[in-house]
Protein backbone atom coordinates (compact mmCIF):
# COMPACT_ATOMS: atom_id res chain seq x y z
CA MET A 1 0.03 -0.09 0.00
CA SER A 2 2.80 2.41 0.79
CA THR A 3 4.58 1.48 -2.27
CA THR A 4 1.66 2.28 -4.45
CA SER A 5 1.13 5.72 -2.72
CA THR A 6 4.77 6.73 -2.95
CA SER A 7 4.77 5.73 -6.66
CA VAL A 8 1.60 7.72 -7.46
CA LEU A 9 2.52 10.98 -5.51
CA PRO A 10 5.43 12.28 -7.49
CA PRO A 11 3.65 12.38 -10.82
CA VAL A 12 0.58 13.97 -9.18
CA ALA A 13 2.75 16.69 -7.49
CA ALA A 14 4.42 17.21 -10.84
CA LEU A 15 1.00 17.47 -12.70
CA HIS A 16 -0.30 19.79 -10.04
CA SER A 17 2.80 22.17 -10.40
CA ALA A 18 2.51 22.08 -14.07
CA LEU A 19 -1.11 23.19 -13.94
CA LYS A 20 -0.36 25.84 -11.35
CA PRO A 21 -1.18 29.28 -13.04
CA LEU A 22 1.81 31.40 -13.84
CA PRO A 23 2.00 34.91 -12.15
CA PRO A 24 0.45 37.85 -14.21
CA TRP A 25 3.89 39.26 -14.95
CA ARG A 26 5.18 36.04 -16.31
CA ARG A 27 2.25 35.51 -18.61
CA LYS A 28 2.58 39.17 -19.75
CA LEU A 29 6.25 38.63 -20.51
CA ARG A 30 5.60 35.23 -22.32
CA ARG A 31 3.01 37.02 -24.41
CA LEU A 32 5.43 39.78 -25.20
CA LEU A 33 8.25 37.58 -26.17
CA GLY A 34 5.90 35.26 -28.17
CA HIS A 35 4.76 38.00 -30.50
CA ARG A 36 7.23 37.95 -33.37
CA GLY A 37 6.18 41.19 -34.90
CA LEU A 38 6.50 43.03 -31.67
CA VAL A 39 9.91 41.43 -30.87
CA LEU A 40 11.00 42.51 -34.36
CA GLY A 41 9.90 46.03 -34.23
CA ALA A 42 11.23 46.41 -30.76
CA ALA A 43 14.59 45.32 -31.95
CA MET A 44 14.65 47.61 -34.94
CA LEU A 45 13.36 50.62 -32.95
CA ALA A 46 16.18 49.85 -30.23
CA VAL A 47 18.79 50.00 -32.89
CA ILE A 48 17.50 53.30 -34.37
CA VAL A 49 17.10 54.78 -30.81
CA LEU A 50 20.77 53.72 -29.68
CA ALA A 51 22.18 55.04 -32.96
CA ALA A 52 20.39 58.48 -32.34
CA ILE A 53 21.42 58.72 -28.63
CA PHE A 54 25.08 57.78 -29.48
CA ALA A 55 25.33 59.63 -32.92
CA PRO A 56 28.36 61.66 -31.94
CA LEU A 57 30.21 58.52 -31.07
CA LEU A 58 28.85 56.53 -34.07
CA ALA A 59 29.10 59.20 -36.90
CA PRO A 60 32.46 58.85 -38.76
CA HIS A 61 32.38 62.55 -39.89
CA ASP A 62 30.75 65.80 -38.80
CA PRO A 63 27.21 65.84 -40.71
CA PHE A 64 27.67 69.54 -41.32
CA ASN A 65 31.21 69.51 -42.99
CA GLN A 66 31.05 70.43 -46.68
CA ASP A 67 33.76 69.25 -49.18
CA VAL A 68 32.69 70.03 -52.60
CA SER A 69 35.48 67.97 -54.14
CA GLN A 70 34.14 64.94 -52.48
CA ARG A 71 30.45 65.36 -53.67
CA LEU A 72 28.19 62.55 -54.74
CA ILE A 73 30.66 59.82 -53.95
CA PRO A 74 28.50 56.47 -54.38
CA PRO A 75 28.35 53.94 -51.35
CA VAL A 76 30.94 51.34 -50.64
CA TRP A 77 29.09 48.78 -52.56
CA ASN A 78 29.57 50.64 -55.74
CA SER A 79 32.72 50.01 -57.75
CA ALA A 80 33.55 53.87 -57.36
CA GLY A 81 32.80 53.81 -53.51
CA SER A 82 35.11 54.29 -50.72
CA TRP A 83 35.36 53.00 -47.20
CA GLU A 84 35.95 56.46 -45.98
CA HIS A 85 32.39 57.30 -46.82
CA VAL A 86 30.50 54.05 -46.36
CA LEU A 87 27.17 55.34 -47.70
CA GLY A 88 28.51 58.02 -49.99
CA THR A 89 28.31 61.78 -49.76
CA ASP A 90 25.54 64.35 -50.85
CA LYS A 91 25.63 67.20 -53.55
CA LEU A 92 27.79 69.33 -50.95
CA GLY A 93 30.17 66.45 -49.98
CA ARG A 94 28.59 65.73 -46.63
CA ASP A 95 29.07 62.19 -45.29
CA TYR A 96 25.70 60.36 -45.83
CA LEU A 97 26.12 57.81 -42.97
CA SER A 98 26.71 60.64 -40.52
CA ARG A 99 23.78 62.74 -41.73
CA LEU A 100 21.71 59.46 -41.65
CA ILE A 101 22.55 58.85 -37.91
CA PHE A 102 22.04 62.51 -36.86
CA GLY A 103 18.73 62.63 -38.84
CA ALA A 104 17.51 59.76 -36.60
CA ARG A 105 17.64 62.12 -33.74
CA VAL A 106 15.41 64.69 -35.55
CA SER A 107 12.93 62.12 -36.52
CA LEU A 108 12.63 60.68 -33.00
CA ILE A 109 12.54 64.06 -31.28
CA ILE A 110 9.72 65.23 -33.62
CA GLY A 111 7.78 62.05 -33.18
CA CYS A 112 8.12 61.77 -29.40
CA ALA A 113 7.38 65.57 -28.76
CA ALA A 114 4.49 65.87 -31.19
CA ALA A 115 2.82 62.64 -29.75
CA LEU A 116 3.44 64.06 -26.31
CA ILE A 117 1.79 67.38 -27.09
CA SER A 118 -1.14 65.81 -28.92
CA GLY A 119 -1.50 63.15 -26.13
CA LEU A 120 -1.84 65.76 -23.33
CA ILE A 121 -4.41 67.66 -25.51
CA GLY A 122 -6.51 64.70 -26.69
CA THR A 123 -6.41 62.60 -23.61
CA THR A 124 -7.52 65.61 -21.45
CA LEU A 125 -10.37 66.29 -23.71
CA GLY A 126 -11.35 62.50 -24.11
CA VAL A 127 -11.29 61.89 -20.38
CA LEU A 128 -13.37 64.97 -19.59
CA ALA A 129 -15.93 64.24 -22.42
CA GLY A 130 -16.37 60.47 -21.33
CA TYR A 131 -16.53 61.23 -17.56
CA PHE A 132 -19.05 64.15 -17.47
CA GLY A 133 -21.07 63.55 -20.51
CA GLY A 134 -23.79 66.00 -21.35
CA ARG A 135 -22.86 69.41 -22.65
CA VAL A 136 -19.23 68.89 -22.00
CA ASP A 137 -19.43 65.72 -24.15
CA ALA A 138 -21.25 67.59 -26.77
CA PHE A 139 -18.85 70.53 -26.93
CA ILE A 140 -15.67 68.41 -27.06
CA SER A 141 -17.42 66.10 -29.70
CA TYR A 142 -18.05 69.24 -31.82
CA LEU A 143 -14.34 70.07 -31.43
CA ILE A 144 -13.39 66.54 -32.59
CA THR A 145 -15.69 66.60 -35.61
CA THR A 146 -14.24 70.03 -36.52
CA ARG A 147 -10.69 68.63 -36.23
CA LEU A 148 -11.48 65.60 -38.32
CA SER A 149 -13.02 67.67 -41.04
CA MET A 150 -9.66 69.53 -41.67
CA PRO A 151 -6.94 67.57 -43.69
CA VAL A 152 -3.92 67.42 -41.55
CA VAL A 153 -1.42 67.74 -44.51
CA LEU A 154 -3.25 70.76 -46.06
CA VAL A 155 -3.50 72.62 -42.56
CA ALA A 156 0.13 71.75 -41.81
CA LEU A 157 1.40 73.01 -45.14
CA ALA A 158 -0.74 76.26 -44.94
CA MET A 159 0.47 77.07 -41.33
CA ALA A 160 4.13 76.13 -41.95
CA SER A 161 4.22 78.47 -45.03
CA LEU A 162 2.61 81.26 -43.05
CA VAL A 163 5.02 80.87 -39.91
CA GLY A 164 7.98 79.57 -41.57
CA GLY A 165 9.59 75.95 -41.20
CA SER A 166 11.73 75.16 -38.31
CA LEU A 167 12.17 72.23 -35.83
CA LYS A 168 10.11 73.95 -33.00
CA VAL A 169 7.52 74.98 -35.49
CA VAL A 170 7.08 71.42 -36.81
CA ILE A 171 6.84 70.09 -33.36
CA ILE A 172 4.27 72.62 -31.94
CA LEU A 173 2.22 72.39 -35.43
CA LEU A 174 2.09 68.47 -35.40
CA GLY A 175 1.37 68.56 -31.58
CA LEU A 176 -1.74 70.70 -32.12
CA LEU A 177 -3.07 68.73 -35.20
CA LEU A 178 -2.74 65.20 -34.13
CA TRP A 179 -4.70 65.04 -30.89
CA ASP A 180 -8.05 63.77 -32.46
CA ARG A 181 -7.34 60.05 -32.09
CA PHE A 182 -6.25 60.30 -28.53
CA ALA A 183 -9.51 62.15 -27.74
CA VAL A 184 -11.75 59.67 -29.59
CA VAL A 185 -10.02 56.64 -27.89
CA THR A 186 -9.90 57.99 -24.40
CA ARG A 187 -13.55 59.36 -24.70
CA SER A 188 -14.83 55.78 -25.49
CA ALA A 189 -12.75 54.01 -22.88
CA THR A 190 -13.72 56.51 -20.08
CA GLN A 191 -17.49 56.12 -21.11
CA GLN A 192 -17.03 52.28 -20.39
CA LEU A 193 -15.16 52.98 -16.94
CA ARG A 194 -17.34 55.85 -15.45
CA ASP A 195 -20.06 53.31 -14.24
CA ALA A 196 -17.75 50.83 -13.01
CA GLU A 197 -17.84 49.56 -9.33
CA PHE A 198 -14.37 50.87 -8.39
CA ILE A 199 -15.43 54.32 -9.52
CA ALA A 200 -18.56 54.19 -7.47
CA ALA A 201 -16.66 52.99 -4.40
CA ALA A 202 -14.28 55.85 -4.90
CA LYS A 203 -17.15 58.36 -4.99
CA ALA A 204 -18.52 56.62 -2.04
CA VAL A 205 -15.39 57.27 0.17
CA GLY A 206 -15.34 60.90 -0.75
CA ALA A 207 -12.68 60.88 -3.63
CA SER A 208 -12.57 64.23 -5.61
CA THR A 209 -13.17 64.25 -9.33
CA PRO A 210 -9.50 65.16 -10.19
CA TYR A 211 -8.33 62.15 -8.05
CA ILE A 212 -10.95 59.82 -9.87
CA LEU A 213 -9.70 60.97 -13.14
CA VAL A 214 -6.01 60.91 -12.65
CA ARG A 215 -5.68 57.75 -10.27
CA GLU A 216 -8.61 55.65 -11.15
CA ILE A 217 -9.41 56.33 -14.75
CA LEU A 218 -6.11 57.10 -16.37
CA PRO A 219 -4.18 54.01 -15.20
CA ASN A 220 -6.96 51.71 -16.62
CA ILE A 221 -6.94 53.38 -20.06
CA MET A 222 -3.09 53.64 -20.41
CA SER A 223 -2.76 50.38 -22.48
CA ALA A 224 -4.94 51.72 -25.09
CA LEU A 225 -2.98 55.12 -24.80
CA ILE A 226 0.31 53.37 -25.39
CA VAL A 227 -1.04 51.92 -28.79
CA VAL A 228 -2.30 55.37 -29.91
CA ILE A 229 0.94 56.91 -28.91
CA THR A 230 2.93 54.71 -31.09
CA LEU A 231 0.66 55.25 -33.96
CA GLU A 232 0.75 59.03 -33.67
CA MET A 233 4.63 58.91 -33.41
CA ALA A 234 4.78 57.38 -36.86
CA HIS A 235 2.30 59.64 -38.30
CA ALA A 236 4.23 62.60 -37.07
CA ILE A 237 7.44 61.21 -38.65
CA LEU A 238 5.99 60.84 -41.75
CA LEU A 239 4.27 64.30 -41.78
CA GLU A 240 7.67 65.85 -40.82
CA ALA A 241 9.38 64.18 -43.75
CA THR A 242 6.59 65.49 -45.99
CA LEU A 243 6.93 69.08 -44.85
CA SER A 244 10.80 68.72 -44.96
CA PHE A 245 10.55 67.38 -48.52
CA LEU A 246 8.48 70.29 -49.58
CA GLY A 247 10.87 72.85 -47.86
CA LEU A 248 8.40 73.88 -45.12
CA GLY A 249 9.68 71.66 -42.42
CA VAL A 250 13.12 71.32 -40.85
CA GLN A 251 15.45 73.64 -42.66
CA PRO A 252 18.93 72.85 -43.95
CA PRO A 253 21.81 72.34 -42.80
CA THR A 254 19.87 70.23 -40.09
CA PRO A 255 20.08 66.60 -41.00
CA SER A 256 16.56 65.22 -41.61
CA TRP A 257 15.75 62.09 -43.62
CA GLY A 258 12.81 64.11 -45.37
CA LEU A 259 15.18 66.87 -46.20
CA MET A 260 17.63 64.47 -47.49
CA VAL A 261 15.20 62.92 -49.90
CA SER A 262 14.30 66.53 -51.14
CA GLU A 263 17.97 67.38 -51.68
CA GLY A 264 18.50 64.47 -53.71
CA LYS A 265 15.53 64.44 -55.86
CA SER A 266 17.39 66.11 -58.64
CA TYR A 267 19.68 63.22 -58.85
CA MET A 268 17.30 60.31 -58.49
CA PHE A 269 17.67 59.14 -62.04
CA PHE A 270 21.58 59.24 -62.06
CA LYS A 271 22.31 58.77 -58.27
CA PRO A 272 19.32 56.96 -57.08
CA TRP A 273 21.06 55.89 -53.72
CA VAL A 274 20.76 59.69 -52.58
CA ILE A 275 17.12 59.06 -52.04
CA VAL A 276 16.93 55.31 -51.49
CA ILE A 277 19.07 55.42 -48.40
CA PRO A 278 17.15 58.09 -46.46
CA GLY A 279 13.92 56.64 -47.82
CA VAL A 280 14.73 53.16 -46.52
CA ALA A 281 15.60 54.58 -43.17
CA LEU A 282 12.41 56.49 -42.82
CA ALA A 283 10.38 53.40 -43.92
CA SER A 284 12.27 51.32 -41.43
CA LEU A 285 11.58 53.60 -38.43
CA VAL A 286 7.84 53.82 -39.46
CA LEU A 287 7.65 50.08 -39.79
CA ALA A 288 9.33 49.52 -36.61
CA ILE A 289 6.92 51.86 -34.53
CA ASN A 290 4.00 50.36 -36.31
CA LEU A 291 4.97 46.74 -35.38
CA VAL A 292 5.47 47.76 -31.79
CA GLY A 293 2.17 49.47 -31.71
CA ASP A 294 0.17 46.53 -33.34
CA GLY A 295 2.09 44.13 -31.00
CA LEU A 296 1.22 46.04 -27.90
CA ARG A 297 -2.60 46.17 -29.09
CA ASP A 298 -2.52 42.22 -29.61
CA VAL A 299 -0.67 41.46 -26.34
CA ASN A 300 -2.91 43.78 -24.35
CA ALA A 301 -6.20 42.55 -26.02
CA PRO A 302 -8.50 40.38 -23.68
CA ASP A 303 -8.53 37.52 -25.88
CA GLY A 304 -4.98 37.83 -27.18
CA ARG A 305 -3.12 34.51 -27.39
CA ASN A 306 0.68 34.54 -27.87
């Protein structure tokens, strides 16, 4: 009898330990690492961010130094290329690799800053509209509808042409134009939470309205906000490249990927790498941010399985 019980207990204990639920943080980590798109996008984004942070150490040349005698040198994989300028030089003889690395800084600064400004505006409006409802919701919904009726690119072009293009102008302009998605998402999420039991409990113990909005509602809609932030970062980076390409965004000699494409468009049929290289860099950054955003949305979905 004792022999049978001792032979049965270890498998039962092993089965019990195998069926024991994992802690929430381990389940979340497993889902994060199991999402291939998220891992790929995070790796690509990490490489670009690290290159931007350590640009002075990684850039082989000063991105502003001009040497007309070295203009339009092809990349190293071309037969006329040189290892001194791995990605070649532009029409003014500036090292393309150095300008590409420093250009990552400009794109990331504009993307993060514009998403932060628009996020503050849109989240504030959306939470207020979703929580209070009534006339507040009607007024903010009118503002959202008005904003959605205006094409972002056309408004940005018109304002940039009036004010003048610069890094600060582009950041402020995009921050004031890209808040609508934040407002729509946070309004819908807040409407779903305002009648929840934990909100009623907070009201019952005498919690103030600002406390409920900041400490109760905002943390519970943060996962949706993170996804919107990634999407708007990519949107802002593309809009900055568009404005810079048209000469209304970041002004030379500041290294910007959109400006690099604009400066090389005259040589696109003879020296195609002058627009292909910054174009691929821009597409890679936007792809990485979108992969991260889509991955976070899938992982945070209630029925997500990774």
